[in-house]
Amino acid sequence: MDRLVYTAYSGLRGRMAAQASIANNMANASTVGFRADSFNMEQLAVKGTGFDGRSLMSEEVVDANRKGGAVVNTGRDLDVAIDGDAWMAVQASDGEEAYTRRGDLTIAPSGVLQTGDGFPVIGNSGPITIPPAAKVTIGPDGSILVVPPGGELDKPQVVDRLKLVDPKGSTTLKGMDNLLRVKDGGTLPANLDATVKAGSLEQSNVNVTETLIQMIENQRSYEIQAKMLNTAKDLDEGGASLMRMQ
């Protein structure tokens, strides 16, 4: 009896975790530069005398789908779509360096250049601060070009450069804040050959149709696990009833 209960319980727990990942993907289907969560389900066997028939389910987010999203033209000077497999360095909430594909940049009242979700963008020597300017643009190599107040628009000055990195060859993981980090800490070196496309944005790579199908399939699996618990309850009550018979 307990074998059925353990199997059903672990299945319910795994399906709930999977549903959270699917819901996160669905919620970010329109988030700029978002990479969909990839989750994996694995059977865990309980070892030991009398336990060989028990199998549990393990579910975890293992990585992000690295496939690129569609690039759309916006015409906005501070919008950038990162070319190829490169990522842009930002300062995470914990102060550590992390990486994103989100390119809808804005200038905070303090002058700090930040992403649309509020993470400061990192340049050659830390977070980039933009001085007062009549115009700010971003070059193909990630250079921040500024025209001072009263300056000539065709003669911008370079004040910094986006730190663009290539995660190839390094083990990186996506966090709950949708930022990429190096496993076990550390930072990635700048890739000086990486480029960006100004006036454009990369969209989320979430396929809404596939995500809806995943959600329906996962919900049906959850219902099957729940029915297994009810079946275990009925069997237990039936056995108890037989024990009470004179």
Protein backbone atom coordinates (compact mmCIF):
# COMPACT_ATOMS: atom_id res chain seq x y z
CA MET A 1 0.00 0.00 0.00
CA ASP A 2 2.70 2.48 0.94
CA ARG A 3 4.38 1.90 -2.44
CA LEU A 4 1.34 3.35 -4.20
CA VAL A 5 1.14 6.29 -1.80
CA TYR A 6 4.83 7.17 -2.18
CA THR A 7 4.63 6.92 -5.97
CA ALA A 8 1.53 9.10 -6.16
CA TYR A 9 2.86 11.66 -3.68
CA SER A 10 6.21 12.09 -5.43
CA GLY A 11 4.40 12.35 -8.76
CA LEU A 12 2.16 15.12 -7.41
CA ARG A 13 5.16 17.01 -6.05
CA GLY A 14 7.05 16.71 -9.35
CA ARG A 15 4.06 17.82 -11.39
CA MET A 16 3.54 20.86 -9.17
CA ALA A 17 7.18 21.89 -9.67
CA ALA A 18 6.86 21.37 -13.42
CA GLN A 19 3.71 23.48 -13.47
CA ALA A 20 5.59 26.32 -11.77
CA SER A 21 8.25 26.23 -14.51
CA ILE A 22 5.65 26.12 -17.27
CA ALA A 23 3.71 28.99 -15.69
CA ASN A 24 6.92 31.04 -15.47
CA ASN A 25 7.55 30.48 -19.18
CA MET A 26 3.99 31.44 -20.05
CA ALA A 27 4.15 34.59 -17.91
CA ASN A 28 7.32 35.68 -19.72
CA ALA A 29 6.17 34.92 -23.25
CA SER A 30 6.33 38.64 -24.05
CA THR A 31 9.38 39.52 -21.91
CA VAL A 32 12.26 40.96 -23.96
CA GLY A 33 15.19 38.55 -24.32
CA PHE A 34 13.64 35.87 -22.07
CA ARG A 35 14.97 32.32 -22.31
CA ALA A 36 12.45 29.59 -21.50
CA ASP A 37 13.14 27.28 -18.56
CA SER A 38 14.02 23.68 -19.44
CA PHE A 39 13.02 21.13 -16.80
CA ASN A 40 13.79 17.46 -16.43
CA MET A 41 11.99 14.63 -14.66
CA GLU A 42 13.95 11.66 -13.38
CA GLN A 43 13.01 8.43 -11.60
CA LEU A 44 14.67 7.93 -8.23
CA ALA A 45 14.69 4.38 -6.86
CA VAL A 46 14.70 3.82 -3.08
CA LYS A 47 17.37 1.26 -2.21
CA GLY A 48 17.25 -1.21 0.63
CA THR A 49 15.51 -4.38 1.81
CA GLY A 50 11.78 -4.03 1.36
CA PHE A 51 12.09 -0.71 -0.48
CA ASP A 52 13.02 -1.91 -3.98
CA GLY A 53 9.48 -1.45 -5.24
CA ARG A 54 9.34 2.23 -4.36
CA SER A 55 10.22 4.82 -7.01
CA LEU A 56 10.07 8.57 -6.51
CA MET A 57 10.12 11.40 -9.03
CA SER A 58 12.66 14.19 -9.10
CA GLU A 59 11.90 17.38 -11.07
CA GLU A 60 14.24 20.31 -11.48
CA VAL A 61 14.94 23.20 -13.82
CA VAL A 62 18.16 22.11 -15.49
CA ASP A 63 18.84 25.02 -17.82
CA ALA A 64 17.32 27.53 -20.20
CA ASN A 65 16.47 27.04 -23.83
CA ARG A 66 19.37 28.84 -25.51
CA LYS A 67 17.57 29.22 -28.85
CA GLY A 68 17.33 32.85 -29.95
CA GLY A 69 14.07 34.76 -30.13
CA ALA A 70 12.74 36.85 -33.01
CA VAL A 71 14.42 40.24 -33.52
CA VAL A 72 12.13 43.22 -34.17
CA ASN A 73 13.03 46.73 -35.19
CA THR A 74 12.04 49.47 -32.72
CA GLY A 75 14.05 52.47 -33.91
CA ARG A 76 14.79 53.43 -30.29
CA ASP A 77 18.40 54.52 -29.70
CA LEU A 78 18.87 52.57 -26.45
CA ASP A 79 17.36 49.31 -27.67
CA VAL A 80 19.90 46.65 -28.61
CA ALA A 81 19.59 43.09 -29.87
CA ILE A 82 22.70 41.04 -29.10
CA ASP A 83 24.03 39.14 -32.10
CA GLY A 84 24.93 35.45 -32.05
CA ASP A 85 25.39 33.62 -28.75
CA ALA A 86 26.80 36.56 -26.80
CA TRP A 87 25.25 37.85 -23.56
CA MET A 88 25.41 41.27 -21.88
CA ALA A 89 26.88 41.68 -18.39
CA VAL A 90 24.77 43.28 -15.67
CA GLN A 91 24.99 43.69 -11.90
CA ALA A 92 22.54 41.35 -10.17
CA SER A 93 20.62 42.19 -7.00
CA ASP A 94 23.32 40.53 -4.88
CA GLY A 95 26.00 42.76 -6.42
CA GLU A 96 27.54 39.93 -8.44
CA GLU A 97 28.04 39.94 -12.19
CA ALA A 98 25.42 38.09 -14.21
CA TYR A 99 24.33 38.01 -17.83
CA THR A 100 21.20 38.76 -19.82
CA ARG A 101 19.88 39.03 -23.36
CA ARG A 102 17.43 41.76 -22.42
CA GLY A 103 18.30 44.86 -24.43
CA ASP A 104 15.61 47.43 -23.63
CA LEU A 105 18.01 49.81 -21.90
CA THR A 106 17.07 52.98 -20.03
CA ILE A 107 18.92 55.68 -18.12
CA ALA A 108 17.97 55.94 -14.46
CA PRO A 109 17.60 59.38 -12.79
CA SER A 110 21.03 58.76 -11.25
CA GLY A 111 22.53 58.38 -14.72
CA VAL A 112 23.09 54.62 -14.44
CA LEU A 113 22.38 52.64 -17.60
CA GLN A 114 20.07 49.76 -16.74
CA THR A 115 17.97 47.04 -18.35
CA GLY A 116 14.21 47.11 -18.52
CA ASP A 117 14.02 45.05 -15.33
CA GLY A 118 16.30 47.43 -13.42
CA PHE A 119 19.71 45.70 -13.45
CA PRO A 120 22.68 48.09 -13.96
CA VAL A 121 24.59 47.39 -17.15
CA ILE A 122 28.31 46.65 -16.73
CA GLY A 123 30.99 48.26 -18.91
CA ASN A 124 34.77 48.26 -18.94
CA SER A 125 35.10 49.20 -15.27
CA GLY A 126 31.80 48.42 -13.59
CA PRO A 127 28.25 49.77 -13.95
CA ILE A 128 27.95 52.31 -16.75
CA THR A 129 27.02 55.88 -15.80
CA ILE A 130 25.85 58.23 -18.55
CA PRO A 131 26.80 61.94 -18.17
CA PRO A 132 24.30 64.67 -19.11
CA ALA A 133 23.89 64.45 -22.87
CA ALA A 134 21.86 65.74 -25.77
CA LYS A 135 21.85 62.30 -27.40
CA VAL A 136 22.94 58.80 -26.42
CA THR A 137 23.39 55.98 -28.93
CA ILE A 138 25.01 52.55 -28.95
CA GLY A 139 27.44 51.44 -31.65
CA PRO A 140 27.60 48.00 -33.29
CA ASP A 141 30.50 46.98 -31.01
CA GLY A 142 28.59 48.02 -27.88
CA SER A 143 30.28 51.41 -27.50
CA ILE A 144 28.22 54.03 -25.65
CA LEU A 145 28.25 57.20 -27.78
CA VAL A 146 27.29 60.48 -26.12
CA VAL A 147 26.75 63.94 -27.59
CA PRO A 148 27.28 66.56 -24.83
CA PRO A 149 24.67 69.32 -24.43
CA GLY A 150 25.29 71.84 -27.19
CA GLY A 151 27.68 69.46 -28.99
CA GLU A 152 27.63 68.44 -32.64
CA LEU A 153 25.36 65.48 -33.27
CA ASP A 154 27.75 64.01 -35.85
CA LYS A 155 30.67 64.00 -33.41
CA PRO A 156 29.69 61.78 -30.46
CA GLN A 157 32.14 60.81 -27.73
CA VAL A 158 32.72 57.25 -26.50
CA VAL A 159 32.18 57.09 -22.72
CA ASP A 160 32.18 53.30 -22.19
CA ARG A 161 31.37 49.99 -23.82
CA LEU A 162 28.91 47.23 -23.00
CA LYS A 163 30.60 44.14 -21.62
CA LEU A 164 29.57 41.38 -24.01
CA VAL A 165 30.55 37.79 -23.20
CA ASP A 166 30.36 34.39 -24.83
CA PRO A 167 29.39 31.53 -22.46
CA LYS A 168 30.76 28.81 -24.75
CA GLY A 169 33.25 26.62 -22.95
CA SER A 170 31.92 27.60 -19.50
CA THR A 171 29.22 26.01 -17.40
CA THR A 172 26.46 28.55 -16.89
CA LEU A 173 23.08 28.29 -15.20
CA LYS A 174 19.97 30.41 -15.35
CA GLY A 175 18.65 31.77 -12.05
CA MET A 176 15.13 32.56 -10.85
CA ASP A 177 15.77 36.21 -11.76
CA ASN A 178 16.19 35.12 -15.40
CA LEU A 179 19.91 36.00 -15.33
CA LEU A 180 22.69 33.68 -16.43
CA ARG A 181 25.53 32.98 -13.99
CA VAL A 182 28.72 30.97 -14.00
CA LYS A 183 28.27 27.75 -12.05
CA ASP A 184 30.10 27.84 -8.70
CA GLY A 185 30.80 31.57 -9.09
CA GLY A 186 33.15 33.62 -11.19
CA THR A 187 32.77 35.82 -14.26
CA LEU A 188 33.11 35.42 -18.00
CA PRO A 189 35.78 37.33 -19.96
CA ALA A 190 34.66 40.01 -22.41
CA ASN A 191 34.32 38.98 -26.04
CA LEU A 192 35.67 41.92 -28.03
CA ASP A 193 34.33 40.47 -31.28
CA ALA A 194 30.70 40.38 -30.11
CA THR A 195 28.32 42.86 -31.72
CA VAL A 196 24.85 44.28 -31.16
CA LYS A 197 22.14 45.61 -33.42
CA ALA A 198 20.98 49.04 -32.26
CA GLY A 199 17.35 50.08 -32.59
CA SER A 200 16.17 46.46 -32.30
CA LEU A 201 15.03 44.06 -29.59
CA GLU A 202 15.14 40.29 -29.27
CA GLN A 203 11.84 38.85 -28.16
CA SER A 204 11.19 35.93 -25.82
CA ASN A 205 11.92 32.47 -27.27
CA VAL A 206 8.86 30.95 -25.55
CA ASN A 207 6.61 29.09 -27.99
CA VAL A 208 3.15 29.82 -26.60
CA THR A 209 1.46 26.92 -28.39
CA GLU A 210 3.97 24.35 -27.16
CA THR A 211 3.82 25.79 -23.65
CA LEU A 212 0.03 25.50 -23.57
CA ILE A 213 0.27 21.86 -24.65
CA GLN A 214 2.85 21.20 -21.92
CA MET A 215 0.55 22.80 -19.36
CA ILE A 216 -2.43 20.64 -20.41
CA GLU A 217 -0.37 17.43 -20.43
CA ASN A 218 1.12 18.23 -17.04
CA GLN A 219 -2.32 18.98 -15.57
CA ARG A 220 -3.66 15.64 -16.81
CA SER A 221 -0.68 13.82 -15.29
CA TYR A 222 -1.34 15.61 -12.00
CA GLU A 223 -4.96 14.43 -12.06
CA ILE A 224 -3.83 10.83 -12.62
CA GLN A 225 -1.51 11.03 -9.60
CA ALA A 226 -4.35 12.47 -7.51
CA LYS A 227 -6.62 9.57 -8.54
CA MET A 228 -3.91 7.14 -7.43
CA LEU A 229 -4.08 8.63 -3.94
CA ASN A 230 -7.85 8.21 -3.91
CA THR A 231 -7.45 4.62 -5.06
CA ALA A 232 -4.95 3.97 -2.25
CA LYS A 233 -7.45 5.42 0.22
CA ASP A 234 -10.25 3.21 -1.07
CA LEU A 235 -8.05 0.10 -0.88
CA ASP A 236 -7.02 0.96 2.66
CA GLU A 237 -10.62 1.49 3.76
CA GLY A 238 -11.62 -1.78 2.07
CA GLY A 239 -8.87 -3.66 3.89
CA ALA A 240 -9.83 -2.10 7.21
CA SER A 241 -13.46 -3.08 6.62
CA LEU A 242 -12.49 -6.72 6.07
CA MET A 243 -10.45 -6.71 9.28
CA ARG A 244 -13.53 -5.58 11.23
CA MET A 245 -15.72 -8.39 9.92
CA GLN A 246 -16.57 -11.09 12.51
